[in-house]
Protein backbone atom coordinates (compact mmCIF):
# COMPACT_ATOMS: atom_id res chain seq x y z
CA MET A 1 -104.59 -86.04 -203.05
CA PRO A 2 -105.28 -83.48 -206.19
CA VAL A 3 -105.60 -79.71 -205.45
CA MET A 4 -108.44 -78.75 -207.86
CA ASN A 5 -110.81 -77.13 -205.91
CA LEU A 6 -109.68 -74.68 -202.68
CA LEU A 7 -111.91 -72.60 -200.52
CA VAL A 8 -110.07 -69.54 -198.87
CA ALA A 9 -111.79 -68.04 -195.73
CA PHE A 10 -112.11 -64.03 -196.05
CA ASN A 11 -112.86 -61.89 -193.24
CA GLY A 12 -111.34 -59.02 -194.45
CA SER A 13 -108.39 -58.99 -192.15
CA ASP A 14 -104.82 -58.58 -193.07
CA GLY A 15 -104.34 -62.40 -192.87
CA SER A 16 -107.46 -63.30 -194.78
CA VAL A 17 -106.15 -61.11 -197.48
CA ALA A 18 -102.85 -63.35 -197.48
CA ALA A 19 -104.89 -66.06 -197.24
CA LEU A 20 -106.53 -64.91 -200.72
CA ARG A 21 -103.37 -63.95 -202.06
CA TYR A 22 -102.02 -67.69 -201.15
CA ALA A 23 -104.82 -69.67 -202.70
CA ALA A 24 -104.76 -67.53 -205.98
CA ALA A 25 -101.18 -68.62 -206.33
CA LEU A 26 -101.73 -71.95 -205.76
CA ALA A 27 -104.59 -71.72 -208.09
CA LYS A 28 -102.54 -70.65 -210.95
CA ARG A 29 -100.11 -73.44 -210.24
CA PHE A 30 -102.44 -75.99 -210.24
CA ASP A 31 -105.20 -74.68 -212.54
CA ALA A 32 -107.59 -75.32 -209.58
CA HIS A 33 -110.69 -73.06 -208.82
CA VAL A 34 -111.19 -71.06 -205.69
CA THR A 35 -114.18 -70.04 -203.73
CA ALA A 36 -113.92 -67.12 -201.14
CA MET A 37 -116.24 -67.56 -198.21
CA LEU A 38 -117.37 -64.70 -195.77
CA ALA A 39 -118.86 -66.53 -192.67
CA HIS A 40 -120.06 -64.11 -189.78
CA THR A 41 -122.35 -64.62 -186.74
CA THR A 42 -125.71 -63.24 -185.91
CA HIS A 43 -125.05 -62.93 -182.35
CA GLU A 44 -125.68 -59.68 -180.72
CA VAL A 45 -125.34 -58.79 -177.20
CA ILE A 46 -128.71 -55.99 -177.61
CA ASP A 47 -131.74 -58.02 -179.32
CA ARG A 48 -132.49 -55.61 -181.95
CA ARG A 49 -136.22 -56.66 -182.64
CA SER A 50 -137.21 -55.70 -179.01
CA ARG A 51 -139.88 -53.39 -178.56
CA TRP A 52 -138.05 -51.81 -175.98
CA ILE A 53 -135.36 -50.84 -178.16
CA PRO A 54 -136.23 -47.23 -179.69
CA ARG A 55 -136.57 -47.42 -183.57
CA GLU A 56 -133.76 -45.40 -183.91
CA ALA A 57 -131.33 -47.28 -182.03
CA ARG A 58 -132.36 -50.41 -184.03
CA ALA A 59 -131.65 -48.43 -187.23
CA LEU A 60 -128.27 -47.55 -185.94
CA LEU A 61 -127.31 -51.28 -184.90
CA GLU A 62 -128.25 -52.76 -188.20
CA ALA A 63 -126.58 -49.80 -190.19
CA ALA A 64 -123.49 -50.88 -187.91
CA ASN A 65 -123.82 -54.52 -189.09
CA THR A 66 -124.05 -53.86 -192.47
CA GLY A 67 -121.17 -51.45 -192.55
CA LEU A 68 -118.68 -54.05 -191.21
CA LEU A 69 -120.03 -56.76 -193.80
CA GLN A 70 -119.90 -54.00 -196.58
CA GLU A 71 -116.25 -52.70 -195.68
CA ILE A 72 -115.23 -56.34 -195.97
CA GLU A 73 -116.89 -57.05 -199.09
CA ALA A 74 -115.00 -53.78 -200.63
CA ARG A 75 -111.47 -55.01 -199.45
CA PHE A 76 -112.36 -58.56 -201.11
CA GLU A 77 -113.46 -56.74 -204.32
CA THR A 78 -110.19 -54.75 -204.51
CA GLU A 79 -108.33 -57.68 -204.04
CA ARG A 80 -109.97 -59.60 -206.86
CA ALA A 81 -109.21 -56.53 -209.15
CA ALA A 82 -105.60 -56.63 -208.19
CA LEU A 83 -105.38 -60.82 -208.34
CA GLY A 84 -106.71 -60.28 -212.10
CA LEU A 85 -109.34 -62.87 -211.29
CA SER A 86 -112.48 -61.20 -212.16
CA SER A 87 -115.77 -63.44 -212.50
CA ALA A 88 -113.47 -66.17 -211.75
CA LEU A 89 -113.39 -65.78 -207.70
CA GLN A 90 -116.60 -65.09 -205.98
CA LEU A 91 -117.39 -64.09 -202.54
CA LYS A 92 -120.13 -66.44 -200.59
CA GLU A 93 -121.42 -64.68 -197.38
CA VAL A 94 -122.71 -67.41 -194.88
CA THR A 95 -124.22 -67.26 -191.36
CA GLY A 96 -123.76 -69.05 -188.45
CA ARG A 97 -120.81 -69.86 -185.82
CA VAL A 98 -117.86 -69.11 -188.15
CA ASP A 99 -115.66 -71.76 -187.21
CA ALA A 100 -118.55 -74.54 -187.48
CA VAL A 101 -119.56 -72.81 -190.67
CA LEU A 102 -116.20 -73.05 -192.39
CA SER A 103 -115.50 -76.66 -191.02
CA GLU A 104 -118.95 -77.92 -192.66
CA ALA A 105 -117.83 -75.93 -195.82
CA ALA A 106 -114.49 -76.93 -196.22
CA ARG A 107 -115.45 -80.67 -196.43
CA HIS A 108 -116.84 -80.18 -199.62
CA TYR A 109 -113.17 -79.12 -201.16
CA ASP A 110 -109.64 -80.15 -201.67
CA MET A 111 -108.41 -78.04 -198.58
CA LEU A 112 -109.32 -74.72 -196.88
CA VAL A 113 -106.95 -71.40 -196.88
CA VAL A 114 -107.34 -69.62 -193.85
CA GLY A 115 -105.53 -66.34 -192.31
CA ASN A 116 -104.01 -66.60 -189.15
CA HIS A 117 -106.06 -65.71 -185.90
CA SER A 118 -106.03 -62.18 -184.43
CA ASP A 119 -107.49 -61.02 -181.22
CA THR A 120 -108.15 -57.75 -183.15
CA ASP A 121 -110.54 -59.16 -185.42
CA ASP A 122 -114.41 -58.11 -185.14
CA GLU A 123 -115.77 -60.60 -182.76
CA HIS A 124 -118.56 -61.50 -185.57
CA VAL A 125 -115.73 -62.83 -188.10
CA THR A 126 -113.11 -63.98 -185.81
CA LEU A 127 -111.92 -67.48 -186.93
CA HIS A 128 -109.88 -70.19 -185.15
CA PRO A 129 -107.89 -71.95 -187.87
CA ASP A 130 -106.80 -74.79 -185.25
CA ARG A 131 -110.45 -75.58 -184.27
CA ILE A 132 -111.19 -75.77 -187.80
CA ALA A 133 -108.43 -78.27 -188.70
CA LEU A 134 -110.06 -80.39 -185.85
CA LEU A 135 -113.46 -80.09 -186.86
CA SER A 136 -113.53 -80.20 -190.51
CA GLY A 137 -111.34 -83.63 -191.51
CA ARG A 138 -109.90 -81.62 -194.34
CA PRO A 139 -106.28 -79.77 -194.55
CA VAL A 140 -106.26 -76.22 -193.66
CA ILE A 141 -103.33 -74.02 -194.63
CA VAL A 142 -102.71 -71.39 -192.35
CA VAL A 143 -101.02 -68.12 -193.80
CA PRO A 144 -99.37 -65.54 -191.77
CA ARG A 145 -100.66 -61.80 -192.20
CA GLY A 146 -98.10 -60.17 -194.66
CA TYR A 147 -96.66 -63.34 -196.26
CA ASP A 148 -95.75 -62.75 -199.92
CA ALA A 149 -97.00 -65.63 -201.65
CA GLY A 150 -94.87 -64.47 -204.96
CA ALA A 151 -91.45 -64.56 -203.16
CA ASP A 152 -88.81 -66.97 -204.15
CA HIS A 153 -88.86 -69.48 -201.08
CA GLY A 154 -87.14 -72.57 -199.98
CA HIS A 155 -88.36 -76.21 -200.27
CA ALA A 156 -90.90 -77.63 -197.96
CA ALA A 157 -90.77 -79.34 -194.38
CA LEU A 158 -92.44 -81.89 -192.94
CA VAL A 159 -92.89 -82.54 -189.16
CA TRP A 160 -92.68 -86.23 -188.24
CA ASP A 161 -93.22 -88.19 -185.23
CA GLY A 162 -94.56 -91.22 -186.91
CA GLY A 163 -97.96 -91.02 -185.48
CA ARG A 164 -101.54 -91.02 -187.11
CA ALA A 165 -101.76 -87.02 -187.42
CA ALA A 166 -98.31 -86.94 -189.04
CA ALA A 167 -99.23 -89.37 -191.55
CA ARG A 168 -102.72 -87.68 -192.62
CA ALA A 169 -100.81 -84.57 -192.81
CA LEU A 170 -98.46 -86.03 -195.07
CA SER A 171 -101.02 -87.58 -197.25
CA ASP A 172 -102.60 -84.42 -197.47
CA SER A 173 -99.89 -82.13 -198.76
CA LEU A 174 -98.23 -84.87 -200.92
CA ARG A 175 -99.41 -83.07 -204.05
CA LEU A 176 -97.79 -79.85 -202.90
CA LEU A 177 -94.53 -82.03 -201.75
CA GLU A 178 -94.43 -83.27 -204.97
CA ASP A 179 -95.00 -80.07 -206.98
CA ASP A 180 -91.96 -78.69 -204.79
CA GLY A 181 -89.68 -81.55 -205.32
CA GLN A 182 -87.63 -81.42 -202.22
CA VAL A 183 -88.70 -81.75 -198.40
CA SER A 184 -86.63 -81.84 -194.97
CA VAL A 185 -88.27 -84.14 -192.94
CA LEU A 186 -87.87 -82.56 -189.31
CA THR A 187 -87.69 -84.95 -185.97
CA VAL A 188 -87.27 -83.86 -182.56
CA GLY A 189 -86.95 -86.34 -179.34
CA PRO A 190 -88.75 -89.66 -179.63
CA ARG A 191 -90.89 -90.77 -182.55
CA ARG A 192 -92.45 -94.16 -183.71
CA ASP A 193 -89.86 -97.07 -183.87
CA TRP A 194 -90.66 -97.56 -187.60
CA PRO A 195 -87.66 -96.62 -189.51
CA VAL A 196 -87.51 -93.32 -191.28
CA ALA A 197 -85.83 -94.50 -193.91
CA ASP A 198 -89.34 -95.94 -195.20
CA LEU A 199 -90.70 -92.67 -195.02
CA LEU A 200 -87.74 -91.40 -197.53
CA ARG A 201 -88.12 -94.28 -199.60
CA HIS A 202 -91.97 -93.57 -200.13
CA LEU A 203 -91.55 -89.88 -200.60
CA ASP A 204 -88.84 -90.50 -203.26
CA ARG A 205 -91.25 -92.95 -205.17
CA HIS A 206 -93.54 -89.88 -205.62
CA GLY A 207 -90.62 -87.89 -207.13
CA VAL A 208 -89.51 -85.99 -203.93
CA SER A 209 -86.23 -85.53 -202.78
CA ALA A 210 -86.38 -85.83 -199.10
CA VAL A 211 -83.61 -85.31 -196.22
CA HIS A 212 -84.05 -86.17 -192.50
CA GLU A 213 -82.92 -83.66 -190.03
CA GLU A 214 -83.13 -84.81 -185.98
CA TRP A 215 -82.71 -83.52 -182.51
CA PRO A 216 -82.65 -84.97 -179.62
CA SER A 217 -85.50 -84.80 -176.69
CA THR A 218 -83.44 -81.82 -174.98
CA HIS A 219 -84.71 -79.82 -177.88
CA PRO A 220 -88.15 -77.87 -177.24
CA VAL A 221 -90.30 -79.06 -180.63
CA ALA A 222 -91.85 -75.67 -181.32
CA ASP A 223 -88.82 -73.65 -180.81
CA THR A 224 -86.61 -76.07 -182.68
CA VAL A 225 -89.19 -75.91 -186.03
CA LEU A 226 -89.34 -72.45 -185.69
CA SER A 227 -85.58 -71.88 -185.84
CA TRP A 228 -84.75 -74.17 -188.31
CA CYS A 229 -87.91 -72.79 -190.66
CA GLY A 230 -86.07 -68.97 -189.81
CA ARG A 231 -82.85 -70.06 -191.12
CA HIS A 232 -83.94 -72.26 -194.24
CA ASP A 233 -87.10 -70.45 -195.32
CA PRO A 234 -88.98 -72.97 -196.67
CA ALA A 235 -92.59 -72.63 -198.65
CA LEU A 236 -94.73 -74.64 -196.28
CA LEU A 237 -94.24 -76.47 -193.13
CA VAL A 238 -96.37 -79.40 -193.03
CA LEU A 239 -97.74 -80.44 -189.42
CA GLY A 240 -99.68 -82.68 -188.05
CA ALA A 241 -102.23 -80.92 -185.57
CA TYR A 242 -102.97 -81.95 -181.67
CA GLU A 243 -101.74 -85.45 -181.75
CA HIS A 244 -102.65 -85.29 -178.12
CA SER A 245 -106.34 -83.79 -176.95
CA LYS A 246 -106.83 -80.29 -177.81
CA PHE A 247 -107.60 -79.35 -174.34
CA ARG A 248 -104.61 -80.75 -173.10
CA GLU A 249 -102.22 -78.80 -175.50
CA ASP A 250 -104.40 -75.70 -174.56
CA PHE A 251 -104.07 -76.34 -170.89
CA LEU A 252 -100.52 -77.22 -171.18
CA GLY A 253 -99.42 -74.95 -174.06
CA GLY A 254 -99.06 -77.08 -176.85
CA VAL A 255 -96.72 -77.57 -179.89
CA THR A 256 -99.48 -76.81 -182.69
CA SER A 257 -100.80 -73.50 -180.87
CA GLU A 258 -97.12 -72.21 -180.40
CA ILE A 259 -96.45 -72.65 -183.83
CA LEU A 260 -99.33 -71.07 -185.08
CA SER A 261 -98.94 -68.22 -183.14
CA ARG A 262 -95.35 -67.59 -184.20
CA THR A 263 -94.94 -68.92 -187.69
CA THR A 264 -93.96 -66.26 -190.63
CA ILE A 265 -94.72 -68.75 -193.23
CA PRO A 266 -97.69 -71.07 -194.26
CA VAL A 267 -98.38 -74.19 -191.98
CA LEU A 268 -100.51 -76.96 -193.48
CA LEU A 269 -102.71 -78.69 -190.64
CA SER A 270 -104.33 -82.03 -190.67
CA HIS A 271 -106.00 -83.93 -188.06
């Protein structure tokens, strides 16, 4: 898949700053266009329009909401100036349910780049990358706060079980893998019967040098993958999101959620 048109979610958090810098680095690599989007809700506990709310109180509520958005916009302008993109990068403001708005918008781009979820984000701008990956139908790259997009990292890693979600993640990430030129295929426990050799041959025909590393089912998947990434420092981890239902994974504690909560490198999610 070509990487020409990127959407990045920006809500002023440290994670969204890391996502913006990562998207800018991708844009320079692929000569792509970047659009930043500030999605926020208009939901409020108190209806400011009620005639029972004193005018002074309504003014304070309006100022608080406006102030939050102005702070986010100011941080964006600081980042835009530091990135040297000037007028080539604009911030679009959209209202609605944040995850739903970003999911719908992402369908009009090659991929969406977001920061990782933080419980400290303001509720009006907080987002959930895993939900967006499920809803959008587009690949989502989740960048952890503090990640240095300009650092020298190793090759990419692909978590593979032969399932539909893993195949979709491979297809969505192939242009990035081709650019890196090297990938480690990680399998933990049972996988589909189709031979991994066919996957390695497929990658080779795309100019990607691939090696296969595997562990038995006695190894916990998330711990094994994260430990491997900690030792080898890949530039990207490619993951098929929620091969099983998200409800089941949330209830039981799934691989996708655990990796996203602990990763120190960008993760490309596809579903």
